[in-house]
Protein backbone atom coordinates (compact mmCIF):
# COMPACT_ATOMS: atom_id res chain seq x y z
CA MET A 1 -94.03 -211.77 -144.49
CA ASP A 2 -91.24 -208.90 -144.09
CA GLU A 3 -88.98 -208.57 -146.82
CA LYS A 4 -85.20 -208.72 -145.57
CA PHE A 5 -82.78 -206.39 -147.57
CA ILE A 6 -78.50 -205.90 -147.92
CA LYS A 7 -77.02 -202.64 -147.68
CA VAL A 8 -75.20 -202.17 -151.12
CA TYR A 9 -73.29 -199.44 -152.96
CA VAL A 10 -72.67 -199.23 -156.52
CA LYS A 11 -69.35 -200.36 -157.42
CA ASN A 12 -69.13 -199.27 -161.52
CA ILE A 13 -71.69 -197.90 -163.57
CA GLU A 14 -71.22 -198.94 -167.53
CA GLN A 15 -73.54 -197.59 -170.22
CA LEU A 16 -74.10 -200.25 -172.75
CA THR A 17 -76.22 -198.52 -175.52
CA SER A 18 -78.03 -195.23 -175.57
CA GLU A 19 -80.75 -196.64 -173.46
CA VAL A 20 -79.20 -198.92 -171.35
CA LYS A 21 -76.95 -199.20 -168.35
CA SER A 22 -75.11 -201.83 -166.04
CA PHE A 23 -75.09 -201.42 -162.75
CA GLU A 24 -72.70 -203.53 -160.17
CA LEU A 25 -74.04 -203.45 -156.67
CA ALA A 26 -71.27 -204.80 -154.01
CA PRO A 27 -72.24 -205.33 -150.39
CA VAL A 28 -71.55 -202.74 -147.99
CA ASP A 29 -71.40 -205.07 -144.57
CA LEU A 30 -71.20 -208.57 -145.87
CA PRO A 31 -67.57 -209.65 -147.35
CA GLU A 32 -69.93 -211.37 -150.46
CA LEU A 33 -73.06 -211.55 -151.43
CA PRO A 34 -76.03 -214.13 -151.46
CA ALA A 35 -75.82 -217.24 -153.64
CA TYR A 36 -78.25 -217.12 -156.62
CA SER A 37 -79.34 -218.80 -159.98
CA ALA A 38 -79.84 -218.02 -163.14
CA GLY A 39 -83.07 -216.00 -163.72
CA SER A 40 -83.09 -214.71 -160.78
CA HIS A 41 -84.27 -210.80 -159.26
CA ILE A 42 -83.88 -208.55 -156.63
CA ILE A 43 -85.81 -205.85 -155.83
CA THR A 44 -83.86 -202.72 -155.23
CA ARG A 45 -84.77 -199.93 -152.67
CA LEU A 46 -83.29 -196.14 -152.79
CA ALA A 47 -84.07 -192.95 -151.20
CA ALA A 48 -85.36 -190.42 -153.75
CA GLN A 49 -85.68 -186.86 -152.15
CA ASP A 50 -89.31 -187.54 -150.92
CA ARG A 51 -90.32 -191.17 -151.16
CA VAL A 52 -88.70 -194.71 -151.49
CA ILE A 53 -87.84 -196.19 -155.22
CA GLU A 54 -88.61 -200.15 -155.36
CA ARG A 55 -88.22 -202.04 -158.47
CA ARG A 56 -87.66 -205.26 -159.69
CA TYR A 57 -84.69 -206.10 -161.82
CA SER A 58 -83.13 -209.30 -163.06
CA LEU A 59 -79.71 -210.26 -161.67
CA THR A 60 -77.39 -210.29 -165.23
CA ASN A 61 -73.94 -211.25 -163.68
CA HIS A 62 -72.53 -214.90 -163.27
CA PRO A 63 -74.65 -216.95 -160.73
CA LYS A 64 -71.11 -217.76 -159.22
CA SER A 65 -70.24 -214.23 -158.51
CA HIS A 66 -70.77 -213.22 -154.72
CA LEU A 67 -68.79 -210.33 -155.13
CA SER A 68 -71.11 -208.15 -156.81
CA TYR A 69 -74.34 -208.22 -158.56
CA SER A 70 -75.36 -206.61 -161.63
CA ILE A 71 -78.29 -204.99 -163.04
CA ALA A 72 -79.17 -203.91 -166.12
CA ILE A 73 -81.62 -200.93 -166.45
CA ARG A 74 -83.10 -199.78 -169.90
CA LYS A 75 -84.25 -195.32 -169.58
CA GLN A 76 -87.94 -195.82 -170.07
CA GLU A 77 -89.61 -192.66 -171.50
CA LYS A 78 -93.22 -192.82 -170.08
CA SER A 79 -90.92 -194.28 -165.98
CA LYS A 80 -93.12 -193.65 -162.98
CA GLY A 81 -89.77 -192.77 -161.99
CA GLY A 82 -87.77 -195.98 -161.43
CA SER A 83 -85.60 -196.23 -164.73
CA VAL A 84 -84.65 -192.29 -164.98
CA PHE A 85 -83.86 -191.86 -161.49
CA TRP A 86 -81.37 -194.60 -161.78
CA HIS A 87 -80.06 -193.18 -165.47
CA GLU A 88 -79.80 -189.62 -163.76
CA GLN A 89 -79.17 -189.47 -160.47
CA MET A 90 -77.03 -192.82 -158.81
CA LYS A 91 -73.60 -192.46 -159.07
CA ILE A 92 -70.69 -194.46 -158.23
CA GLY A 93 -70.81 -194.79 -154.51
CA ASP A 94 -74.37 -194.21 -153.58
CA LEU A 95 -76.22 -196.53 -151.32
CA LEU A 96 -78.90 -198.44 -151.63
CA GLU A 97 -81.07 -202.03 -150.22
CA VAL A 98 -81.43 -205.01 -152.22
CA SER A 99 -83.87 -208.21 -151.56
CA TYR A 100 -82.16 -211.63 -150.95
CA PRO A 101 -82.31 -213.07 -154.71
CA LYS A 102 -85.67 -214.76 -155.71
CA ASN A 103 -86.06 -217.07 -158.88
CA HIS A 104 -89.73 -217.70 -159.33
CA PHE A 105 -88.72 -220.11 -162.57
CA PRO A 106 -85.67 -221.92 -161.26
CA LEU A 107 -84.75 -224.61 -163.99
CA SER A 108 -85.32 -228.09 -163.15
CA LYS A 109 -82.42 -230.14 -162.27
CA GLN A 110 -84.77 -233.98 -163.64
CA ALA A 111 -85.35 -232.19 -167.54
CA LYS A 112 -83.53 -233.68 -170.35
CA LYS A 113 -83.24 -230.27 -172.27
CA HIS A 114 -83.86 -226.79 -171.50
CA LEU A 115 -84.50 -223.81 -173.99
CA PHE A 116 -83.12 -220.73 -173.91
CA PHE A 117 -85.12 -217.13 -175.34
CA LEU A 118 -82.19 -214.70 -175.52
CA GLN A 119 -84.42 -211.43 -174.65
CA VAL A 120 -81.39 -209.38 -174.32
CA LEU A 121 -80.35 -210.16 -178.03
CA ALA A 122 -83.67 -210.18 -179.45
CA SER A 123 -84.15 -207.03 -177.38
CA ARG A 124 -81.36 -205.43 -179.25
CA HIS A 125 -82.80 -205.67 -182.79
CA ILE A 126 -85.91 -204.31 -182.14
CA TYR A 127 -84.78 -201.12 -180.91
CA ARG A 128 -81.71 -200.49 -183.08
């Protein structure tokens, strides 16, 4: 099955820590982006010199925000090119494509309670 992609541009970049940047992605040809649920991710596709880089990233902004998607990327020392390219080459205004959001583990509306693991907080503590 062919993946459908949406043209977006980098609207904003924010340095969150010495190793993590947040990228805000806004649609090029659409008034807003498709809706998604908490825990969803997208596939990013961008041209890098002589190759195409595709990576999956979790969406980090509020699910009711349809004007842009936000992703956070940690620069990996042993990167195969994805995180290093995002950190060192991507600029505001750059174009790329993203897939429609997917959520392989949506929250159940029938569950009486949910347990949340705050990986972001744990990661920040571990990498200090």
